[in-house]
């Protein structure tokens, strides 16, 4: 893969000293891994690099090298603000205008609906993850050590479902192999990311599975999680991650939907598809976005009303598509 605007990115690296590396609220493995890998790489280049994510880092990602460097607030204005894995400015959770945080804005992302808000935009929707793009940007500039490699590896395997999803490409598999050559232990990383669950998360999963409903001849599977369910199970918000896959994996299901009550009149919606529905188009109807097979949005309605309007949109998408394969 050739990186568009690589020359401009190299010039920015050469001409500036201080960098803030930021990513979206509600962070996941790709956002955290890409932020940390680029931060550590910039430090190896002799740059001043500060990673910022304005949200809590989930416990399961605290094994990542450099995680203690991440701040949840901006300490100063930098020469360059680099946004990673964020399709628009709002996803960064900023309180002020983005120009208050950096003289130059670099936008690095792999979402096809990216708003191209940077002075320099390095956006490749064919990339499996933001971590894959970071690898391409730094591989010829520094010797990638084990700490950087673990972060990039985590970025890629979380966004590809451990190389199971349709965004798994020959290139990302080659990169994963390169990272294993450097020293990454796949069994160790997979254990941290996919195979550790707290008792509270299991209790929450049980409650969520009790809400499962199948619609449209079992082509849609929907579940929901309320604030009360989080309280009863004593689960954290971060422990909802992955629950949607239980709905997606049901034989015959094309679209899975998970509704998460954020506030009484705010509902977060996760969407996943298996073969032929572009769920990003559904999310865009509610000012959200994402990828072909994984997307999400925030609906400013109570959870029951949000369920009704979103599930109507999913049903309409199934009817409009008519079963025609939607390719990558």
Protein backbone atom coordinates (compact mmCIF):
# COMPACT_ATOMS: atom_id res chain seq x y z
CA UNK A 1 0.00 0.00 0.00
CA UNK A 2 1.32 3.43 -0.91
CA UNK A 3 0.40 6.14 1.59
CA UNK A 4 -1.15 9.23 0.04
CA UNK A 5 0.45 12.48 1.22
CA UNK A 6 3.43 10.62 2.71
CA UNK A 7 5.82 13.32 1.51
CA UNK A 8 3.78 16.05 3.23
CA UNK A 9 3.67 14.00 6.43
CA UNK A 10 7.45 13.56 6.35
CA UNK A 11 7.89 17.30 5.90
CA UNK A 12 5.68 17.99 8.92
CA UNK A 13 7.76 15.56 10.98
CA UNK A 14 10.95 17.21 9.86
CA UNK A 15 9.79 20.78 10.46
CA UNK A 16 8.13 20.47 13.88
CA UNK A 17 9.16 19.45 17.38
CA UNK A 18 6.05 19.05 19.55
CA UNK A 19 3.19 16.67 18.74
CA UNK A 20 -0.08 15.83 20.44
CA UNK A 21 -1.52 12.47 19.38
CA UNK A 22 -5.25 12.15 20.06
CA UNK A 23 -8.09 9.77 19.33
CA UNK A 24 -11.79 9.34 19.92
CA UNK A 25 -13.82 9.07 23.10
CA UNK A 26 -15.02 5.59 24.08
CA UNK A 27 -11.59 4.25 23.05
CA UNK A 28 -11.02 0.77 21.63
CA UNK A 29 -7.98 -1.32 20.80
CA UNK A 30 -7.33 0.41 17.49
CA UNK A 31 -7.54 3.93 18.86
CA UNK A 32 -5.37 3.19 21.89
CA UNK A 33 -2.86 1.02 20.04
CA UNK A 34 -2.43 3.47 17.18
CA UNK A 35 -2.03 6.44 19.54
CA UNK A 36 0.59 4.65 21.62
CA UNK A 37 2.52 3.23 18.67
CA UNK A 38 2.79 6.62 16.99
CA UNK A 39 3.66 8.31 20.29
CA UNK A 40 6.49 5.87 21.00
CA UNK A 41 7.73 6.15 17.42
CA UNK A 42 7.82 9.95 17.57
CA UNK A 43 9.73 9.80 20.84
CA UNK A 44 12.29 7.51 19.17
CA UNK A 45 12.64 10.21 16.51
CA UNK A 46 13.52 12.72 19.23
CA UNK A 47 10.17 14.52 19.17
CA UNK A 48 8.11 15.76 22.09
CA UNK A 49 5.00 13.60 21.88
CA UNK A 50 1.98 13.63 24.20
CA UNK A 51 -0.84 11.08 23.79
CA UNK A 52 -4.32 12.31 24.78
CA UNK A 53 -7.61 10.41 24.93
CA UNK A 54 -10.40 12.29 26.69
CA UNK A 55 -12.00 9.22 28.23
CA UNK A 56 -11.21 6.31 30.49
CA UNK A 57 -8.91 3.63 29.08
CA UNK A 58 -10.56 0.19 29.45
CA UNK A 59 -8.76 -2.07 31.91
CA UNK A 60 -8.09 -4.78 29.34
CA UNK A 61 -5.90 -2.42 27.29
CA UNK A 62 -3.71 -1.37 30.20
CA UNK A 63 -1.23 -4.12 29.30
CA UNK A 64 -0.19 -2.04 26.29
CA UNK A 65 3.31 -0.57 26.57
CA UNK A 66 3.20 3.16 27.21
CA UNK A 67 -0.41 3.25 28.39
CA UNK A 68 0.53 5.27 31.47
CA UNK A 69 1.68 8.07 29.18
CA UNK A 70 -1.89 8.75 28.04
CA UNK A 71 -3.47 11.87 29.48
CA UNK A 72 -7.20 12.58 29.57
CA UNK A 73 -6.68 16.28 28.98
CA UNK A 74 -4.54 18.54 26.84
CA UNK A 75 -1.68 20.15 28.73
CA UNK A 76 -0.56 22.67 26.10
CA UNK A 77 -0.80 23.70 22.48
CA UNK A 78 1.52 21.72 20.21
CA UNK A 79 3.12 22.41 16.88
CA UNK A 80 1.07 19.51 15.47
CA UNK A 81 -2.12 17.79 16.59
CA UNK A 82 -2.46 14.32 15.06
CA UNK A 83 -5.93 12.81 15.16
CA UNK A 84 -6.10 9.03 14.82
CA UNK A 85 -9.05 6.75 14.05
CA UNK A 86 -11.59 9.60 14.28
CA UNK A 87 -13.98 10.27 11.41
CA UNK A 88 -14.81 13.81 12.53
CA UNK A 89 -13.71 16.44 15.04
CA UNK A 90 -16.62 15.79 17.40
CA UNK A 91 -15.35 12.26 18.06
CA UNK A 92 -12.27 13.73 19.78
CA UNK A 93 -14.38 15.18 22.61
CA UNK A 94 -12.74 18.61 22.47
CA UNK A 95 -14.04 21.51 24.55
CA UNK A 96 -12.47 24.20 22.40
CA UNK A 97 -11.84 24.76 18.70
CA UNK A 98 -9.38 22.21 17.35
CA UNK A 99 -7.02 25.06 16.42
CA UNK A 100 -6.52 25.74 20.11
CA UNK A 101 -4.68 22.42 20.42
CA UNK A 102 -2.30 22.48 17.45
CA UNK A 103 -0.94 24.82 14.81
CA UNK A 104 -1.16 22.06 12.20
CA UNK A 105 -3.88 19.41 12.17
CA UNK A 106 -3.06 15.96 10.75
CA UNK A 107 -5.98 13.58 10.29
CA UNK A 108 -5.07 9.86 10.03
CA UNK A 109 -7.99 7.49 9.66
CA UNK A 110 -9.53 4.51 7.86
CA UNK A 111 -13.25 5.36 8.02
CA UNK A 112 -14.81 5.93 4.60
CA UNK A 113 -17.05 8.72 5.92
CA UNK A 114 -14.13 10.76 7.28
CA UNK A 115 -14.88 14.49 7.22
CA UNK A 116 -11.33 15.35 6.03
CA UNK A 117 -10.96 18.01 8.72
CA UNK A 118 -7.16 18.13 8.76
CA UNK A 119 -4.65 20.43 7.10
CA UNK A 120 -3.21 17.10 6.02
CA UNK A 121 -5.54 14.14 5.59
CA UNK A 122 -4.12 10.62 5.43
CA UNK A 123 -7.32 8.62 5.06
CA UNK A 124 -7.41 5.14 3.56
CA UNK A 125 -10.69 3.25 3.86
CA UNK A 126 -9.04 0.11 2.46
CA UNK A 127 -6.81 -0.12 5.53
CA UNK A 128 -7.86 -2.59 8.20
CA UNK A 129 -7.17 -0.16 11.01
CA UNK A 130 -5.52 3.08 12.00
CA UNK A 131 -2.68 0.96 13.37
CA UNK A 132 -2.01 -0.42 9.90
CA UNK A 133 -1.62 3.12 8.55
CA UNK A 134 0.69 4.06 11.42
CA UNK A 135 2.86 1.06 10.60
CA UNK A 136 3.16 2.22 6.99
CA UNK A 137 4.07 5.75 8.12
CA UNK A 138 6.83 4.77 10.55
CA UNK A 139 8.32 1.52 9.24
CA UNK A 140 11.04 3.21 7.19
CA UNK A 141 11.79 5.93 9.77
CA UNK A 142 12.69 3.96 12.88
CA UNK A 143 13.48 0.44 13.99
CA UNK A 144 10.15 -0.82 15.30
CA UNK A 145 10.76 -2.30 18.75
CA UNK A 146 8.63 -4.77 20.68
CA UNK A 147 6.65 -2.07 22.52
CA UNK A 148 5.61 -0.36 19.30
CA UNK A 149 4.94 -3.73 17.65
CA UNK A 150 2.55 -4.87 20.42
CA UNK A 151 0.53 -1.67 20.07
CA UNK A 152 0.21 -1.96 16.30
CA UNK A 153 -0.59 -5.67 16.53
CA UNK A 154 -3.37 -4.90 19.00
CA UNK A 155 -4.74 -2.18 16.73
CA UNK A 156 -5.02 -4.58 13.82
CA UNK A 157 -6.40 -7.63 15.61
CA UNK A 158 -9.09 -5.66 17.44
CA UNK A 159 -10.42 -4.01 14.29
CA UNK A 160 -10.25 -7.23 12.26
CA UNK A 161 -11.71 -9.43 15.01
CA UNK A 162 -8.43 -11.33 15.29
CA UNK A 163 -8.18 -11.53 11.49
CA UNK A 164 -11.73 -12.92 11.13
CA UNK A 165 -13.60 -9.96 9.63
CA UNK A 166 -13.98 -8.99 5.98
CA UNK A 167 -11.48 -6.12 6.36
CA UNK A 168 -8.68 -8.66 6.85
CA UNK A 169 -6.40 -8.16 3.85
CA UNK A 170 -3.20 -9.79 2.61
CA UNK A 171 -1.35 -6.63 3.61
CA UNK A 172 -2.54 -6.59 7.21
CA UNK A 173 -1.68 -10.28 7.54
CA UNK A 174 1.83 -9.57 6.27
CA UNK A 175 2.15 -6.74 8.79
CA UNK A 176 0.99 -9.03 11.59
CA UNK A 177 3.64 -11.54 10.51
CA UNK A 178 6.30 -8.81 10.55
CA UNK A 179 5.24 -7.83 14.07
CA UNK A 180 5.45 -11.44 15.25
CA UNK A 181 8.95 -11.58 13.77
CA UNK A 182 9.81 -8.56 15.92
CA UNK A 183 8.71 -10.42 19.03
CA UNK A 184 4.96 -10.07 19.55
CA UNK A 185 3.38 -13.16 21.14
CA UNK A 186 -0.07 -13.63 19.52
CA UNK A 187 -1.32 -15.89 22.32
CA UNK A 188 -0.41 -13.29 24.95
CA UNK A 189 -2.10 -10.39 23.16
CA UNK A 190 -5.20 -12.43 22.30
CA UNK A 191 -5.53 -13.52 25.91
CA UNK A 192 -5.47 -9.91 27.11
CA UNK A 193 -7.88 -8.60 24.48
CA UNK A 194 -10.35 -11.41 23.80
CA UNK A 195 -10.14 -14.06 26.52
CA UNK A 196 -10.34 -12.25 29.85
CA UNK A 197 -13.77 -11.46 31.31
CA UNK A 198 -14.73 -10.19 34.74
CA UNK A 199 -17.59 -11.83 36.62
CA UNK A 200 -19.55 -8.59 36.27
CA UNK A 201 -19.21 -8.71 32.48
CA UNK A 202 -20.60 -12.26 32.43
CA UNK A 203 -23.55 -11.15 34.55
CA UNK A 204 -24.16 -8.25 32.14
CA UNK A 205 -23.94 -10.61 29.16
CA UNK A 206 -26.61 -12.82 30.74
CA UNK A 207 -28.93 -9.84 31.18
CA UNK A 208 -28.29 -8.64 27.61
CA UNK A 209 -28.96 -12.08 26.13
CA UNK A 210 -32.32 -12.11 27.91
CA UNK A 211 -33.34 -9.11 25.77
CA UNK A 212 -32.50 -10.81 22.46
CA UNK A 213 -35.19 -10.53 19.78
CA UNK A 214 -35.17 -11.75 16.19
CA UNK A 215 -36.95 -9.86 13.42
CA UNK A 216 -37.48 -10.03 9.66
CA UNK A 217 -37.41 -13.83 9.43
CA UNK A 218 -34.45 -13.95 11.80
CA UNK A 219 -32.30 -11.67 9.59
CA UNK A 220 -32.12 -9.03 12.34
CA UNK A 221 -30.98 -9.75 15.88
CA UNK A 222 -31.33 -6.98 18.45
CA UNK A 223 -30.37 -6.64 22.12
CA UNK A 224 -30.30 -3.77 24.57
CA UNK A 225 -28.47 -2.72 27.72
CA UNK A 226 -29.95 -0.24 30.18
CA UNK A 227 -28.28 1.74 32.96
CA UNK A 228 -30.20 -0.43 35.42
CA UNK A 229 -28.63 -3.56 33.91
CA UNK A 230 -25.17 -2.06 34.36
CA UNK A 231 -25.97 -1.26 37.98
CA UNK A 232 -27.42 -4.71 38.75
CA UNK A 233 -24.45 -6.52 37.20
CA UNK A 234 -21.96 -3.99 38.62
CA UNK A 235 -20.42 -3.88 35.15
CA UNK A 236 -18.52 -0.96 33.66
CA UNK A 237 -19.52 0.67 30.39
CA UNK A 238 -16.40 -0.75 28.76
CA UNK A 239 -17.63 -4.29 29.53
CA UNK A 240 -20.36 -3.95 26.90
CA UNK A 241 -17.67 -4.36 24.22
CA UNK A 242 -18.12 -7.54 22.21
CA UNK A 243 -21.65 -8.32 23.39
CA UNK A 244 -23.09 -7.42 19.99
CA UNK A 245 -21.17 -10.31 18.43
CA UNK A 246 -23.39 -12.82 20.22
CA UNK A 247 -26.29 -11.49 18.16
CA UNK A 248 -24.27 -11.28 14.94
CA UNK A 249 -23.10 -14.89 15.21
CA UNK A 250 -26.60 -16.40 15.20
CA UNK A 251 -27.03 -18.53 12.08
CA UNK A 252 -29.11 -16.69 9.49
CA UNK A 253 -28.69 -13.23 11.01
CA UNK A 254 -27.51 -10.53 8.62
CA UNK A 255 -27.67 -7.44 10.88
CA UNK A 256 -27.06 -7.30 14.63
CA UNK A 257 -27.99 -4.24 16.67
CA UNK A 258 -27.07 -3.39 20.25
CA UNK A 259 -28.78 -0.48 22.02
CA UNK A 260 -27.01 1.01 25.02
CA UNK A 261 -28.82 3.49 27.25
CA UNK A 262 -26.39 6.33 27.94
CA UNK A 263 -28.91 8.69 29.54
CA UNK A 264 -32.70 8.68 29.79
CA UNK A 265 -32.99 10.37 26.40
CA UNK A 266 -29.70 9.30 24.77
CA UNK A 267 -29.10 5.87 23.26
CA UNK A 268 -25.88 4.57 21.74
CA UNK A 269 -26.42 2.14 18.86
CA UNK A 270 -23.95 -0.44 17.55
CA UNK A 271 -24.54 -2.09 14.18
CA UNK A 272 -22.85 -5.15 12.65
CA UNK A 273 -23.55 -7.07 9.45
CA UNK A 274 -22.33 -10.36 8.05
CA UNK A 275 -22.51 -10.45 4.25
CA UNK A 276 -24.48 -7.90 2.29
CA UNK A 277 -25.83 -4.94 4.28
CA UNK A 278 -23.73 -1.77 4.50
CA UNK A 279 -24.46 -0.76 8.10
CA UNK A 280 -22.52 2.48 7.76
CA UNK A 281 -25.35 3.79 5.57
CA UNK A 282 -27.85 3.00 8.31
CA UNK A 283 -25.70 4.78 10.90
CA UNK A 284 -25.37 7.82 8.65
CA UNK A 285 -29.16 8.28 8.76
CA UNK A 286 -28.68 9.08 12.45
CA UNK A 287 -25.53 11.24 12.00
CA UNK A 288 -23.25 8.32 12.78
CA UNK A 289 -20.93 6.31 10.61
CA UNK A 290 -18.31 3.62 10.48
CA UNK A 291 -17.48 0.77 8.17
CA UNK A 292 -19.33 -1.53 5.80
CA UNK A 293 -19.72 -4.26 8.42
CA UNK A 294 -19.38 -2.27 11.65
CA UNK A 295 -20.88 1.13 12.43
CA UNK A 296 -22.59 3.11 15.15
CA UNK A 297 -24.48 6.23 16.07
CA UNK A 298 -25.97 8.20 18.94
CA UNK A 299 -29.75 8.65 18.90
CA UNK A 300 -31.16 11.37 21.15
CA UNK A 301 -34.20 9.40 22.17
CA UNK A 302 -35.12 7.13 25.10
CA UNK A 303 -34.02 3.58 24.45
CA UNK A 304 -37.46 2.20 23.55
CA UNK A 305 -38.07 4.96 20.99
CA UNK A 306 -34.54 4.59 19.64
CA UNK A 307 -35.10 0.86 19.18
CA UNK A 308 -38.25 1.50 17.18
CA UNK A 309 -36.77 4.05 14.75
CA UNK A 310 -33.44 2.29 14.24
CA UNK A 311 -34.95 -1.15 13.73
CA UNK A 312 -37.34 0.36 11.17
CA UNK A 313 -34.30 1.74 9.34
CA UNK A 314 -32.56 -1.64 9.47
CA UNK A 315 -35.66 -3.36 8.09
CA UNK A 316 -35.82 -0.80 5.30
CA UNK A 317 -32.14 -1.40 4.48
CA UNK A 318 -32.78 -5.11 4.20
CA UNK A 319 -35.71 -4.48 1.84
CA UNK A 320 -33.84 -1.88 -0.24
CA UNK A 321 -30.79 -4.08 -0.65
CA UNK A 322 -32.88 -7.05 -1.63
CA UNK A 323 -30.17 -9.52 -0.77
CA UNK A 324 -27.69 -8.20 -3.33
CA UNK A 325 -24.15 -8.76 -2.14
CA UNK A 326 -22.59 -5.50 -0.92
CA UNK A 327 -18.88 -5.89 -1.56
CA UNK A 328 -16.00 -4.15 0.15
